[in-house]
C-alpha atoms as a PDB file:
ATOM      1  CA  MET A   1     -16.374 156.388 180.991  1.00  0.00           C
ATOM      2  CA  LYS A   2     -17.981 154.419 178.186  1.00  0.00           C
ATOM      3  CA  ASP A   3     -17.943 150.613 178.179  1.00  0.00           C
ATOM      4  CA  MET A   4     -16.863 149.988 174.563  1.00  0.00           C
ATOM      5  CA  MET A   5     -14.217 151.576 172.345  1.00  0.00           C
ATOM      6  CA  ASN A   6     -12.950 151.469 168.758  1.00  0.00           C
ATOM      7  CA  ALA A   7      -9.846 149.380 168.176  1.00  0.00           C
ATOM      8  CA  LEU A   8      -7.822 147.568 165.521  1.00  0.00           C
ATOM      9  CA  GLN A   9      -7.973 143.882 166.397  1.00  0.00           C
ATOM     10  CA  LEU A  10      -6.057 141.068 164.756  1.00  0.00           C
ATOM     11  CA  ASN A  11      -8.304 137.978 164.670  1.00  0.00           C
ATOM     12  CA  ALA A  12      -5.952 135.805 162.592  1.00  0.00           C
ATOM     13  CA  PRO A  13      -3.007 136.404 160.255  1.00  0.00           C
ATOM     14  CA  ASN A  14      -3.986 139.087 157.734  1.00  0.00           C
ATOM     15  CA  GLU A  15      -7.387 139.558 159.429  1.00  0.00           C
ATOM     16  CA  LEU A  16      -7.040 142.995 161.007  1.00  0.00           C
ATOM     17  CA  VAL A  17     -10.451 144.548 161.657  1.00  0.00           C
ATOM     18  CA  TYR A  18     -11.667 147.902 162.908  1.00  0.00           C
ATOM     19  CA  THR A  19     -14.151 146.926 165.588  1.00  0.00           C
ATOM     20  CA  GLN A  20     -15.515 147.572 169.063  1.00  0.00           C
ATOM     21  CA  VAL A  21     -13.899 146.016 172.150  1.00  0.00           C
ATOM     22  CA  PRO A  22     -14.405 146.635 175.886  1.00  0.00           C
ATOM     23  CA  VAL A  23     -12.592 149.575 177.473  1.00  0.00           C
ATOM     24  CA  PRO A  24      -9.949 147.978 179.740  1.00  0.00           C
ATOM     25  CA  THR A  25      -9.968 148.426 183.506  1.00  0.00           C
ATOM     26  CA  PRO A  26      -6.574 149.414 184.967  1.00  0.00           C
ATOM     27  CA  GLY A  27      -4.991 147.057 187.479  1.00  0.00           C
ATOM     28  CA  ALA A  28      -3.400 148.165 190.732  1.00  0.00           C
ATOM     29  CA  ASN A  29      -0.119 149.272 189.122  1.00  0.00           C
ATOM     30  CA  GLU A  30      -1.692 150.482 185.886  1.00  0.00           C
ATOM     31  CA  VAL A  31      -3.196 153.663 184.532  1.00  0.00           C
ATOM     32  CA  LEU A  32      -5.867 153.992 181.871  1.00  0.00           C
ATOM     33  CA  CYS A  33      -4.732 156.272 179.073  1.00  0.00           C
ATOM     34  CA  LYS A  34      -6.645 157.921 176.263  1.00  0.00           C
ATOM     35  CA  VAL A  35      -4.540 157.151 173.200  1.00  0.00           C
ATOM     36  CA  GLU A  36      -3.817 160.225 171.085  1.00  0.00           C
ATOM     37  CA  SER A  37      -1.303 158.917 168.525  1.00  0.00           C
ATOM     38  CA  ILE A  38       0.097 155.556 167.463  1.00  0.00           C
ATOM     39  CA  SER A  39       3.107 155.201 165.177  1.00  0.00           C
ATOM     40  CA  ILE A  40       3.157 152.207 162.842  1.00  0.00           C
ATOM     41  CA  CYS A  41       6.133 149.903 163.368  1.00  0.00           C
ATOM     42  CA  GLY A  42       7.550 147.450 160.856  1.00  0.00           C
ATOM     43  CA  THR A  43       6.990 144.720 163.444  1.00  0.00           C
ATOM     44  CA  ASP A  44       3.238 145.450 163.257  1.00  0.00           C
ATOM     45  CA  ALA A  45       3.252 144.486 159.594  1.00  0.00           C
ATOM     46  CA  HIS A  46       5.163 141.259 160.334  1.00  0.00           C
ATOM     47  CA  ILE A  47       2.747 140.310 163.124  1.00  0.00           C
ATOM     48  CA  ILE A  48      -0.243 140.983 160.865  1.00  0.00           C
ATOM     49  CA  ALA A  49       1.301 138.755 158.190  1.00  0.00           C
ATOM     50  CA  GLY A  50       1.760 135.916 160.693  1.00  0.00           C
ATOM     51  CA  ALA A  51       5.562 136.002 160.687  1.00  0.00           C
ATOM     52  CA  PHE A  52       5.838 134.897 164.336  1.00  0.00           C
ATOM     53  CA  PRO A  53       3.258 132.083 164.699  1.00  0.00           C
ATOM     54  CA  GLY A  54       2.407 131.216 168.287  1.00  0.00           C
ATOM     55  CA  PHE A  55       4.852 133.809 169.616  1.00  0.00           C
ATOM     56  CA  TRP A  56       3.612 137.239 168.527  1.00  0.00           C
ATOM     57  CA  PRO A  57       0.771 136.865 169.318  1.00  0.00           C
ATOM     58  CA  PRO A  58       0.599 133.695 171.412  1.00  0.00           C
ATOM     59  CA  LYS A  59      -3.156 133.648 170.774  1.00  0.00           C
ATOM     60  CA  PHE A  60      -5.888 135.594 169.000  1.00  0.00           C
ATOM     61  CA  PRO A  61      -7.535 138.049 169.085  1.00  0.00           C
ATOM     62  CA  LEU A  62      -5.001 140.796 169.833  1.00  0.00           C
ATOM     63  CA  VAL A  63      -5.160 144.582 169.705  1.00  0.00           C
ATOM     64  CA  LEU A  64      -1.878 145.632 168.093  1.00  0.00           C
ATOM     65  CA  GLY A  65       0.212 148.775 168.625  1.00  0.00           C
ATOM     66  CA  HIS A  66       3.175 149.594 170.870  1.00  0.00           C
ATOM     67  CA  GLU A  67       4.516 152.977 169.681  1.00  0.00           C
ATOM     68  CA  TRP A  68       2.058 155.393 171.240  1.00  0.00           C
ATOM     69  CA  ALA A  69       1.362 158.500 173.301  1.00  0.00           C
ATOM     70  CA  GLY A  70      -1.649 159.766 175.204  1.00  0.00           C
ATOM     71  CA  GLN A  71      -3.057 161.099 178.444  1.00  0.00           C
ATOM     72  CA  VAL A  72      -3.854 159.445 181.771  1.00  0.00           C
ATOM     73  CA  VAL A  73      -7.619 159.429 182.418  1.00  0.00           C
ATOM     74  CA  ALA A  74      -7.906 156.992 185.343  1.00  0.00           C
ATOM     75  CA  LEU A  75      -5.608 155.584 188.015  1.00  0.00           C
ATOM     76  CA  GLY A  76      -5.097 152.082 189.328  1.00  0.00           C
ATOM     77  CA  GLU A  77      -5.210 151.499 193.067  1.00  0.00           C
ATOM     78  CA  LYS A  78      -1.483 152.057 193.729  1.00  0.00           C
ATOM     79  CA  THR A  79      -0.420 154.425 190.962  1.00  0.00           C
ATOM     80  CA  ALA A  80      -1.113 157.697 192.785  1.00  0.00           C
ATOM     81  CA  LYS A  81       1.467 156.602 195.365  1.00  0.00           C
ATOM     82  CA  PHE A  82       4.022 156.439 192.558  1.00  0.00           C
ATOM     83  CA  GLY A  83       3.319 160.065 191.604  1.00  0.00           C
ATOM     84  CA  TRP A  84       0.877 159.608 188.731  1.00  0.00           C
ATOM     85  CA  THR A  85      -2.132 161.867 188.301  1.00  0.00           C
ATOM     86  CA  VAL A  86      -5.076 162.132 185.933  1.00  0.00           C
ATOM     87  CA  GLY A  87      -4.067 164.474 183.119  1.00  0.00           C
ATOM     88  CA  ASP A  88      -0.432 163.335 182.882  1.00  0.00           C
ATOM     89  CA  ARG A  89       0.766 163.281 179.285  1.00  0.00           C
ATOM     90  CA  VAL A  90       2.794 160.162 178.519  1.00  0.00           C
ATOM     91  CA  ALA A  91       4.735 158.172 175.942  1.00  0.00           C
ATOM     92  CA  GLY A  92       4.751 154.383 176.073  1.00  0.00           C
ATOM     93  CA  ILE A  93       6.962 151.429 175.179  1.00  0.00           C
ATOM     94  CA  ALA A  94       6.120 147.785 174.524  1.00  0.00           C
ATOM     95  CA  ASN A  95       7.793 145.946 177.386  1.00  0.00           C
ATOM     96  CA  ASN A  96       6.302 145.395 180.838  1.00  0.00           C
ATOM     97  CA  PRO A  97       8.708 142.987 182.567  1.00  0.00           C
ATOM     98  CA  CYS A  98       8.255 140.788 185.610  1.00  0.00           C
ATOM     99  CA  GLY A  99      10.526 143.139 187.583  1.00  0.00           C
ATOM    100  CA  HIS A 100      11.821 140.362 189.845  1.00  0.00           C
ATOM    101  CA  CYS A 101      14.153 138.106 187.849  1.00  0.00           C
ATOM    102  CA  LYS A 102      17.936 138.588 187.807  1.00  0.00           C
ATOM    103  CA  ASN A 103      17.896 140.344 184.444  1.00  0.00           C
ATOM    104  CA  CYS A 104      15.144 142.761 185.465  1.00  0.00           C
ATOM    105  CA  LEU A 105      16.902 143.570 188.728  1.00  0.00           C
ATOM    106  CA  ALA A 106      20.064 144.290 186.719  1.00  0.00           C
ATOM    107  CA  GLY A 107      18.107 146.761 184.560  1.00  0.00           C
ATOM    108  CA  ARG A 108      18.017 144.485 181.507  1.00  0.00           C
ATOM    109  CA  PHE A 109      14.273 144.046 181.525  1.00  0.00           C
ATOM    110  CA  THR A 110      13.920 143.598 177.757  1.00  0.00           C
ATOM    111  CA  ILE A 111      15.532 140.179 178.218  1.00  0.00           C
ATOM    112  CA  CYS A 112      13.320 139.344 181.202  1.00  0.00           C
ATOM    113  CA  LEU A 113      13.752 135.700 182.202  1.00  0.00           C
ATOM    114  CA  ASN A 114       9.971 135.411 182.507  1.00  0.00           C
ATOM    115  CA  TYR A 115       9.339 136.799 179.019  1.00  0.00           C
ATOM    116  CA  GLY A 116       5.989 135.722 177.632  1.00  0.00           C
ATOM    117  CA  LYS A 117       4.699 134.065 180.795  1.00  0.00           C
ATOM    118  CA  GLU A 118       1.043 135.026 181.136  1.00  0.00           C
ATOM    119  CA  GLY A 119       0.254 136.939 184.293  1.00  0.00           C
ATOM    120  CA  ILE A 120       3.937 137.749 184.916  1.00  0.00           C
ATOM    121  CA  HIS A 121       5.182 139.480 181.759  1.00  0.00           C
ATOM    122  CA  LYS A 122       3.436 141.610 179.138  1.00  0.00           C
ATOM    123  CA  MET A 123       4.533 143.001 175.812  1.00  0.00           C
ATOM    124  CA  TYR A 124       1.915 145.431 174.599  1.00  0.00           C
ATOM    125  CA  GLY A 125       0.812 144.877 171.015  1.00  0.00           C
ATOM    126  CA  HIS A 126       2.793 141.615 170.841  1.00  0.00           C
ATOM    127  CA  THR A 127       1.613 139.278 173.607  1.00  0.00           C
ATOM    128  CA  TYR A 128      -0.887 141.574 175.314  1.00  0.00           C
ATOM    129  CA  GLN A 129      -3.502 144.118 174.264  1.00  0.00           C
ATOM    130  CA  GLY A 130      -1.863 147.159 172.706  1.00  0.00           C
ATOM    131  CA  ALA A 131      -2.455 150.746 171.706  1.00  0.00           C
ATOM    132  CA  TYR A 132      -4.396 150.649 168.432  1.00  0.00           C
ATOM    133  CA  ALA A 133      -7.455 151.652 170.410  1.00  0.00           C
ATOM    134  CA  GLU A 134      -9.102 154.633 172.008  1.00  0.00           C
ATOM    135  CA  TYR A 135      -7.780 153.569 175.424  1.00  0.00           C
ATOM    136  CA  ILE A 136      -5.014 151.405 176.826  1.00  0.00           C
ATOM    137  CA  ALA A 137      -4.476 150.092 180.356  1.00  0.00           C
ATOM    138  CA  VAL A 138      -0.724 150.168 180.889  1.00  0.00           C
ATOM    139  CA  ASP A 139       1.649 149.442 183.743  1.00  0.00           C
ATOM    140  CA  VAL A 140       3.452 152.558 184.945  1.00  0.00           C
ATOM    141  CA  ASN A 141       6.756 150.737 184.337  1.00  0.00           C
ATOM    142  CA  SER A 142       6.074 151.122 180.625  1.00  0.00           C
ATOM    143  CA  ILE A 143       5.394 154.873 180.344  1.00  0.00           C
ATOM    144  CA  SER A 144       7.182 158.149 180.967  1.00  0.00           C
ATOM    145  CA  LYS A 145       5.844 161.663 181.261  1.00  0.00           C
ATOM    146  CA  ILE A 146       6.327 164.094 178.384  1.00  0.00           C
ATOM    147  CA  PRO A 147       6.486 167.910 178.489  1.00  0.00           C
ATOM    148  CA  ASP A 148       3.248 169.870 178.145  1.00  0.00           C
ATOM    149  CA  ASP A 149       4.334 171.298 174.793  1.00  0.00           C
ATOM    150  CA  PHE A 150       5.388 167.927 173.360  1.00  0.00           C
ATOM    151  CA  ASP A 151       3.459 166.950 170.230  1.00  0.00           C
ATOM    152  CA  TYR A 152       1.670 163.608 170.627  1.00  0.00           C
ATOM    153  CA  ASN A 153       2.765 162.420 167.178  1.00  0.00           C
ATOM    154  CA  LEU A 154       6.366 163.055 168.155  1.00  0.00           C
ATOM    155  CA  ALA A 155       5.834 161.379 171.532  1.00  0.00           C
ATOM    156  CA  ALA A 156       4.490 158.272 169.767  1.00  0.00           C
ATOM    157  CA  CYS A 157       7.960 157.895 168.220  1.00  0.00           C
ATOM    158  CA  MET A 158       9.765 157.766 171.552  1.00  0.00           C
ATOM    159  CA  ASP A 159       9.635 153.962 171.584  1.00  0.00           C
ATOM    160  CA  PRO A 160      11.695 153.573 168.369  1.00  0.00           C
ATOM    161  CA  LEU A 161      13.925 156.529 169.292  1.00  0.00           C
ATOM    162  CA  SER A 162      14.706 154.928 172.646  1.00  0.00           C
ATOM    163  CA  ILE A 163      15.546 151.666 170.841  1.00  0.00           C
ATOM    164  CA  ALA A 164      17.950 153.508 168.533  1.00  0.00           C
ATOM    165  CA  LEU A 165      19.475 155.182 171.570  1.00  0.00           C
ATOM    166  CA  HIS A 166      20.049 151.836 173.297  1.00  0.00           C
ATOM    167  CA  MET A 167      21.753 150.550 170.158  1.00  0.00           C
ATOM    168  CA  VAL A 168      23.993 153.610 169.869  1.00  0.00           C
ATOM    169  CA  MET A 169      24.885 153.485 173.572  1.00  0.00           C
ATOM    170  CA  ARG A 170      25.755 149.790 173.256  1.00  0.00           C
ATOM    171  CA  SER A 171      28.256 150.685 170.534  1.00  0.00           C
ATOM    172  CA  GLY A 172      30.438 152.419 173.127  1.00  0.00           C
ATOM    173  CA  ILE A 173      30.458 155.641 171.141  1.00  0.00           C
ATOM    174  CA  GLN A 174      32.836 158.372 172.330  1.00  0.00           C
ATOM    175  CA  PRO A 175      32.842 162.075 171.378  1.00  0.00           C
ATOM    176  CA  GLY A 176      34.476 162.583 168.002  1.00  0.00           C
ATOM    177  CA  ASP A 177      34.085 158.961 166.850  1.00  0.00           C
ATOM    178  CA  THR A 178      33.357 158.190 163.224  1.00  0.00           C
ATOM    179  CA  VAL A 179      30.179 156.135 162.924  1.00  0.00           C
ATOM    180  CA  PHE A 180      28.779 154.021 160.118  1.00  0.00           C
ATOM    181  CA  ILE A 181      25.027 153.354 160.080  1.00  0.00           C
ATOM    182  CA  GLY A 182      23.780 150.592 157.814  1.00  0.00           C
ATOM    183  CA  GLY A 183      20.253 151.366 156.617  1.00  0.00           C
ATOM    184  CA  SER A 184      18.322 154.623 156.342  1.00  0.00           C
ATOM    185  CA  GLY A 185      14.939 153.495 157.640  1.00  0.00           C
ATOM    186  CA  ALA A 186      13.458 154.885 160.834  1.00  0.00           C
ATOM    187  CA  GLN A 187      16.040 153.188 163.077  1.00  0.00           C
ATOM    188  CA  GLY A 188      18.890 154.430 160.911  1.00  0.00           C
ATOM    189  CA  LEU A 189      17.580 157.995 160.775  1.00  0.00           C
ATOM    190  CA  MET A 190      16.928 158.056 164.506  1.00  0.00           C
ATOM    191  CA  SER A 191      20.413 156.650 165.085  1.00  0.00           C
ATOM    192  CA  ILE A 192      21.839 159.711 163.326  1.00  0.00           C
ATOM    193  CA  ILE A 193      20.110 161.929 165.871  1.00  0.00           C
ATOM    194  CA  CYS A 194      21.289 159.763 168.773  1.00  0.00           C
ATOM    195  CA  CYS A 195      24.878 159.765 167.485  1.00  0.00           C
ATOM    196  CA  LYS A 196      24.827 163.534 167.088  1.00  0.00           C
ATOM    197  CA  SER A 197      23.487 163.931 170.621  1.00  0.00           C
ATOM    198  CA  MET A 198      26.417 161.870 171.937  1.00  0.00           C
ATOM    199  CA  GLY A 199      29.056 163.902 170.139  1.00  0.00           C
ATOM    200  CA  ALA A 200      29.853 161.753 167.101  1.00  0.00           C
ATOM    201  CA  GLY A 201      32.264 163.233 164.609  1.00  0.00           C
ATOM    202  CA  LYS A 202      31.671 161.946 161.104  1.00  0.00           C
ATOM    203  CA  ILE A 203      28.451 159.959 160.512  1.00  0.00           C
ATOM    204  CA  ILE A 204      28.276 157.831 157.353  1.00  0.00           C
ATOM    205  CA  ILE A 205      25.064 156.043 156.375  1.00  0.00           C
ATOM    206  CA  SER A 206      24.008 153.674 153.600  1.00  0.00           C
ATOM    207  CA  GLY A 207      20.602 153.511 151.996  1.00  0.00           C
ATOM    208  CA  THR A 208      18.809 154.599 148.858  1.00  0.00           C
ATOM    209  CA  GLY A 209      16.035 156.830 147.550  1.00  0.00           C
ATOM    210  CA  HIS A 210      14.152 159.419 149.589  1.00  0.00           C
ATOM    211  CA  ARG A 211      15.236 157.872 152.882  1.00  0.00           C
ATOM    212  CA  LEU A 212      18.863 158.473 152.015  1.00  0.00           C
ATOM    213  CA  LYS A 213      17.961 162.054 151.135  1.00  0.00           C
ATOM    214  CA  ALA A 214      16.383 162.391 154.586  1.00  0.00           C
ATOM    215  CA  ALA A 215      19.629 161.112 156.128  1.00  0.00           C
ATOM    216  CA  GLU A 216      21.579 163.760 154.229  1.00  0.00           C
ATOM    217  CA  GLU A 217      19.242 166.446 155.553  1.00  0.00           C
ATOM    218  CA  LEU A 218      19.990 165.206 159.069  1.00  0.00           C
ATOM    219  CA  GLY A 219      23.704 165.798 158.479  1.00  0.00           C
ATOM    220  CA  ALA A 220      25.028 162.346 157.547  1.00  0.00           C
ATOM    221  CA  ILE A 221      27.411 161.501 154.710  1.00  0.00           C
ATOM    222  CA  THR A 222      25.381 159.253 152.417  1.00  0.00           C
ATOM    223  CA  LEU A 223      26.265 156.175 150.381  1.00  0.00           C
ATOM    224  CA  ASP A 224      23.770 154.592 147.994  1.00  0.00           C
ATOM    225  CA  TYR A 225      23.993 150.805 148.227  1.00  0.00           C
ATOM    226  CA  LYS A 226      22.576 150.517 144.699  1.00  0.00           C
ATOM    227  CA  THR A 227      25.476 152.391 143.143  1.00  0.00           C
ATOM    228  CA  ASP A 228      28.281 152.513 145.719  1.00  0.00           C
ATOM    229  CA  LYS A 229      30.526 149.692 146.874  1.00  0.00           C
ATOM    230  CA  ILE A 230      29.875 150.346 150.542  1.00  0.00           C
ATOM    231  CA  THR A 231      32.924 148.707 152.126  1.00  0.00           C
ATOM    232  CA  GLU A 232      35.356 150.122 149.569  1.00  0.00           C
ATOM    233  CA  ARG A 233      33.962 153.644 149.934  1.00  0.00           C
ATOM    234  CA  VAL A 234      34.070 153.532 153.738  1.00  0.00           C
ATOM    235  CA  MET A 235      37.666 152.303 153.663  1.00  0.00           C
ATOM    236  CA  GLU A 236      38.592 155.117 151.287  1.00  0.00           C
ATOM    237  CA  MET A 237      36.973 157.643 153.622  1.00  0.00           C
ATOM    238  CA  THR A 238      38.801 156.285 156.677  1.00  0.00           C
ATOM    239  CA  GLY A 239      42.298 155.833 155.251  1.00  0.00           C
ATOM    240  CA  GLY A 240      41.862 152.076 155.165  1.00  0.00           C
ATOM    241  CA  LEU A 241      41.248 151.830 158.916  1.00  0.00           C
ATOM    242  CA  GLY A 242      37.512 151.237 158.931  1.00  0.00           C
ATOM    243  CA  VAL A 243      34.953 152.598 161.376  1.00  0.00           C
ATOM    244  CA  LYS A 244      35.128 152.169 165.139  1.00  0.00           C
ATOM    245  CA  ARG A 245      31.354 152.310 165.743  1.00  0.00           C
ATOM    246  CA  VAL A 246      29.055 150.441 163.364  1.00  0.00           C
ATOM    247  CA  ILE A 247      25.270 150.597 163.771  1.00  0.00           C
ATOM    248  CA  GLU A 248      23.553 147.855 161.745  1.00  0.00           C
ATOM    249  CA  CYS A 249      19.894 148.547 160.875  1.00  0.00           C
ATOM    250  CA  THR A 250      19.475 147.048 157.405  1.00  0.00           C
ATOM    251  CA  GLY A 251      18.084 143.725 158.552  1.00  0.00           C
ATOM    252  CA  THR A 252      19.754 142.015 155.586  1.00  0.00           C
ATOM    253  CA  ALA A 253      22.491 139.425 155.356  1.00  0.00           C
ATOM    254  CA  LYS A 254      24.517 141.711 153.082  1.00  0.00           C
ATOM    255  CA  GLY A 255      24.161 144.579 155.538  1.00  0.00           C
ATOM    256  CA  VAL A 256      25.561 142.423 158.346  1.00  0.00           C
ATOM    257  CA  ARG A 257      28.444 141.228 156.170  1.00  0.00           C
ATOM    258  CA  ASP A 258      29.257 144.819 155.159  1.00  0.00           C
ATOM    259  CA  ALA A 259      29.304 145.774 158.852  1.00  0.00           C
ATOM    260  CA  CYS A 260      31.800 142.996 159.551  1.00  0.00           C
ATOM    261  CA  ASP A 261      34.001 144.048 156.626  1.00  0.00           C
ATOM    262  CA  LEU A 262      34.190 147.750 157.433  1.00  0.00           C
ATOM    263  CA  VAL A 263      34.468 147.718 161.236  1.00  0.00           C
ATOM    264  CA  ALA A 264      37.858 148.888 162.480  1.00  0.00           C
ATOM    265  CA  ARG A 265      40.244 146.995 164.738  1.00  0.00           C
ATOM    266  CA  GLY A 266      39.035 147.279 168.314  1.00  0.00           C
ATOM    267  CA  GLY A 267      35.660 148.461 167.043  1.00  0.00           C
ATOM    268  CA  CYS A 268      32.083 147.495 167.779  1.00  0.00           C
ATOM    269  CA  ILE A 269      29.096 146.408 165.721  1.00  0.00           C
ATOM    270  CA  SER A 270      25.818 147.202 167.465  1.00  0.00           C
ATOM    271  CA  THR A 271      22.692 145.861 165.824  1.00  0.00           C
ATOM    272  CA  VAL A 272      18.926 145.788 166.187  1.00  0.00           C
ATOM    273  CA  SER A 273      18.337 144.113 162.841  1.00  0.00           C
ATOM    274  CA  LEU A 274      16.771 140.674 162.380  1.00  0.00           C
ATOM    275  CA  PRO A 275      17.803 139.240 158.992  1.00  0.00           C
ATOM    276  CA  GLY A 276      15.449 136.671 157.521  1.00  0.00           C
ATOM    277  CA  GLU A 277      18.306 134.190 157.312  1.00  0.00           C
ATOM    278  CA  GLU A 278      21.190 133.267 159.587  1.00  0.00           C
ATOM    279  CA  VAL A 279      24.433 135.050 158.680  1.00  0.00           C
ATOM    280  CA  ALA A 280      27.931 133.543 158.898  1.00  0.00           C
ATOM    281  CA  LEU A 281      30.187 135.802 160.976  1.00  0.00           C
ATOM    282  CA  PRO A 282      33.991 136.141 160.519  1.00  0.00           C
ATOM    283  CA  ILE A 283      34.933 134.857 163.970  1.00  0.00           C
ATOM    284  CA  ARG A 284      38.691 134.842 163.187  1.00  0.00           C
ATOM    285  CA  LYS A 285      38.522 138.586 162.492  1.00  0.00           C
ATOM    286  CA  PHE A 286      36.429 139.185 165.608  1.00  0.00           C
ATOM    287  CA  VAL A 287      39.060 137.406 167.721  1.00  0.00           C
ATOM    288  CA  LEU A 288      42.226 138.742 166.104  1.00  0.00           C
ATOM    289  CA  ASP A 289      40.931 142.325 165.795  1.00  0.00           C
ATOM    290  CA  GLU A 290      39.030 142.261 169.114  1.00  0.00           C
ATOM    291  CA  ILE A 291      35.713 143.203 167.546  1.00  0.00           C
ATOM    292  CA  ASP A 292      32.691 143.520 169.847  1.00  0.00           C
ATOM    293  CA  PHE A 293      29.328 142.418 168.460  1.00  0.00           C
ATOM    294  CA  HIS A 294      26.342 143.628 170.464  1.00  0.00           C
ATOM    295  CA  GLY A 295      22.762 142.542 169.899  1.00  0.00           C
ATOM    296  CA  CYS A 296      20.254 145.153 171.065  1.00  0.00           C
ATOM    297  CA  ARG A 297      16.753 144.187 172.076  1.00  0.00           C
ATOM    298  CA  ALA A 298      14.378 147.133 172.480  1.00  0.00           C
ATOM    299  CA  ASN A 299      14.898 149.928 174.983  1.00  0.00           C
ATOM    300  CA  PRO A 300      15.880 149.080 178.564  1.00  0.00           C
ATOM    301  CA  ASN A 301      15.788 152.298 180.611  1.00  0.00           C
ATOM    302  CA  THR A 302      16.263 154.611 177.625  1.00  0.00           C
ATOM    303  CA  LEU A 303      12.755 156.072 177.235  1.00  0.00           C
ATOM    304  CA  GLU A 304      13.316 159.074 179.505  1.00  0.00           C
ATOM    305  CA  LYS A 305      16.734 159.658 177.930  1.00  0.00           C
ATOM    306  CA  ALA A 306      15.142 159.635 174.463  1.00  0.00           C
ATOM    307  CA  ILE A 307      12.523 162.166 175.553  1.00  0.00           C
ATOM    308  CA  ALA A 308      15.290 164.420 176.883  1.00  0.00           C
ATOM    309  CA  ILE A 309      17.295 164.134 173.657  1.00  0.00           C
ATOM    310  CA  SER A 310      14.257 164.840 171.511  1.00  0.00           C
ATOM    311  CA  ASN A 311      13.784 168.187 173.235  1.00  0.00           C
ATOM    312  CA  HIS A 312      16.956 169.311 171.425  1.00  0.00           C
ATOM    313  CA  TYR A 313      16.110 167.668 168.093  1.00  0.00           C
ATOM    314  CA  ARG A 314      12.365 168.201 167.716  1.00  0.00           C
ATOM    315  CA  GLU A 315      12.623 169.726 164.244  1.00  0.00           C
ATOM    316  CA  GLU A 316      14.775 166.870 162.953  1.00  0.00           C
ATOM    317  CA  LEU A 317      12.477 164.232 164.430  1.00  0.00           C
ATOM    318  CA  GLN A 318       9.365 165.924 163.055  1.00  0.00           C
ATOM    319  CA  ARG A 319      10.812 165.500 159.557  1.00  0.00           C
ATOM    320  CA  ILE A 320      10.755 161.740 160.027  1.00  0.00           C
ATOM    321  CA  ILE A 321       6.994 161.799 160.714  1.00  0.00           C
ATOM    322  CA  THR A 322       5.576 162.141 157.223  1.00  0.00           C
ATOM    323  CA  HIS A 323       1.923 161.015 157.365  1.00  0.00           C
ATOM    324  CA  GLU A 324      -1.093 161.088 159.660  1.00  0.00           C
ATOM    325  CA  PHE A 325      -4.298 159.061 159.273  1.00  0.00           C
ATOM    326  CA  ALA A 326      -7.461 158.398 161.226  1.00  0.00           C
ATOM    327  CA  MET A 327      -7.304 154.983 162.891  1.00  0.00           C
ATOM    328  CA  SER A 328     -10.485 154.062 161.021  1.00  0.00           C
ATOM    329  CA  ASP A 329      -8.513 154.559 157.784  1.00  0.00           C
ATOM    330  CA  TYR A 330      -5.898 151.980 158.792  1.00  0.00           C
ATOM    331  CA  LYS A 331      -5.878 150.241 155.403  1.00  0.00           C
ATOM    332  CA  ASN A 332      -4.546 153.328 153.671  1.00  0.00           C
ATOM    333  CA  ALA A 333      -2.217 154.042 156.579  1.00  0.00           C
ATOM    334  CA  PHE A 334      -0.680 150.560 156.459  1.00  0.00           C
ATOM    335  CA  GLU A 335      -0.414 150.609 152.674  1.00  0.00           C
ATOM    336  CA  THR A 336       1.327 153.983 152.790  1.00  0.00           C
ATOM    337  CA  PHE A 337       3.767 152.657 155.389  1.00  0.00           C
ATOM    338  CA  THR A 338       4.489 149.192 154.022  1.00  0.00           C
ATOM    339  CA  LYS A 339       4.721 150.239 150.363  1.00  0.00           C
ATOM    340  CA  ARG A 340       6.601 153.454 151.197  1.00  0.00           C
ATOM    341  CA  LEU A 341       4.080 155.480 149.242  1.00  0.00           C
ATOM    342  CA  ASP A 342       4.468 159.240 148.885  1.00  0.00           C
ATOM    343  CA  ASN A 343       7.996 159.129 150.376  1.00  0.00           C
ATOM    344  CA  SER A 344       6.652 157.887 153.702  1.00  0.00           C
ATOM    345  CA  LEU A 345       8.854 157.371 156.757  1.00  0.00           C
ATOM    346  CA  LYS A 346       6.977 157.242 160.087  1.00  0.00           C
ATOM    347  CA  VAL A 347       3.206 157.014 159.663  1.00  0.00           C
ATOM    348  CA  VAL A 348       0.938 157.954 162.584  1.00  0.00           C
ATOM    349  CA  VAL A 349      -2.687 156.938 163.149  1.00  0.00           C
ATOM    350  CA  LYS A 350      -5.031 158.761 165.515  1.00  0.00           C
ATOM    351  CA  PRO A 351      -8.098 157.261 167.206  1.00  0.00           C
ATOM    352  CA  ALA A 352      -9.810 160.634 167.621  1.00  0.00           C
ATOM    353  CA  LEU A 353      -9.794 161.605 163.928  1.00  0.00           C
END
C-alpha cells in the first residue's frame, strides 16, 4: 500500500485543492476502502462556500465527500469478527455515531447526543475526513455491502436514496396513498422511487425544466411552479381534500408554505429541506386538522433498505446519474453540478479516471 494518495482537500472556504494527503490507517472498528465513485451532494457546495462556519467543518483542512462506494482493501483489528473481508464491495453514508447515547441505542443515530464531539462522533466529509480521495478509512457502522453486479456509480447514490427513504417512511405512507412531492431535485426524484416501492397511488410533484421532465419519466404527475398555482391545482386534483402525504424537498420558504396549504386533514408533512430563512407555520391548522410535521435528518438504518429497493429500480435510478468526471477534473464536475449544466442531475467523480 502506498503512503500518499490524491484527494480533494478544503483548506479554507472556496479553497478546494487537488493534492496529495497520507493514506489513512484503519482503526480497530474500521476498514480501509478504495474509493471507486463519489456522488456530488448539494451540501458539498455549501460547505465549500463556507455556509456553516465552525460547524461543517469545525476546522481545516478537510477532505470532503460523503456519497460514495468502493471496495474493502484492508481490515481493522476487530472488523473480521464482524464479518468483513478484503474484497467486499460497499456503499457508505456520512454518519458514524457514538453508538452509546440514548438516541443511538434507540436507533436514531443521526441525532446522536454526542454529535460533533471529537473522538466520539464522526461525520465523514463534514467533521471528519471524507471520500473525495483514493482511499477512505471508515467505521463499519457507516457502510453496507452491495451486490457483485451493482454499479459503483449507482452505489454512490445510496446515501441520498436512503435519506429520501427515511423521509418517505416518516410520512407514514400507506399503500394507495396520494403523495405530493415538493421539488424535483435529486431528493424529490428519489422520493418518487421510494413512494412507488411502498405502494403509493397517485404521485404529484412540483418543479420546473428538465428535472420536472425526469420526474414525469419516473411516473409522477408534474406541476410547473413557474406556471401552475401549485396549491390550487393540487386541490382540484384531490376534490378539495388535499394530500395525505406531503414530502417537502424544495428547501424554500414558499415550498414549505405550499406544503402546509395543500396537506389534507389528518395528513403529514415530512421534510428534509433547510430553507435559508425561518418559515412561519400555521399552528392553528396543525392543531385543528391534526397535521403531523416531521423533520428528517439523514438516514438512520435505511441504507440496507435503500440498496434492496434499488435492485428493483436500477434503470430508473441510473437515469438520475447524468455525468461522470475524473476526480482531478473536479472544477468542471462541480460547475456542471452547481450550475445544472447539460441537464445535470447527479454528477459522479471517480478517483481512478
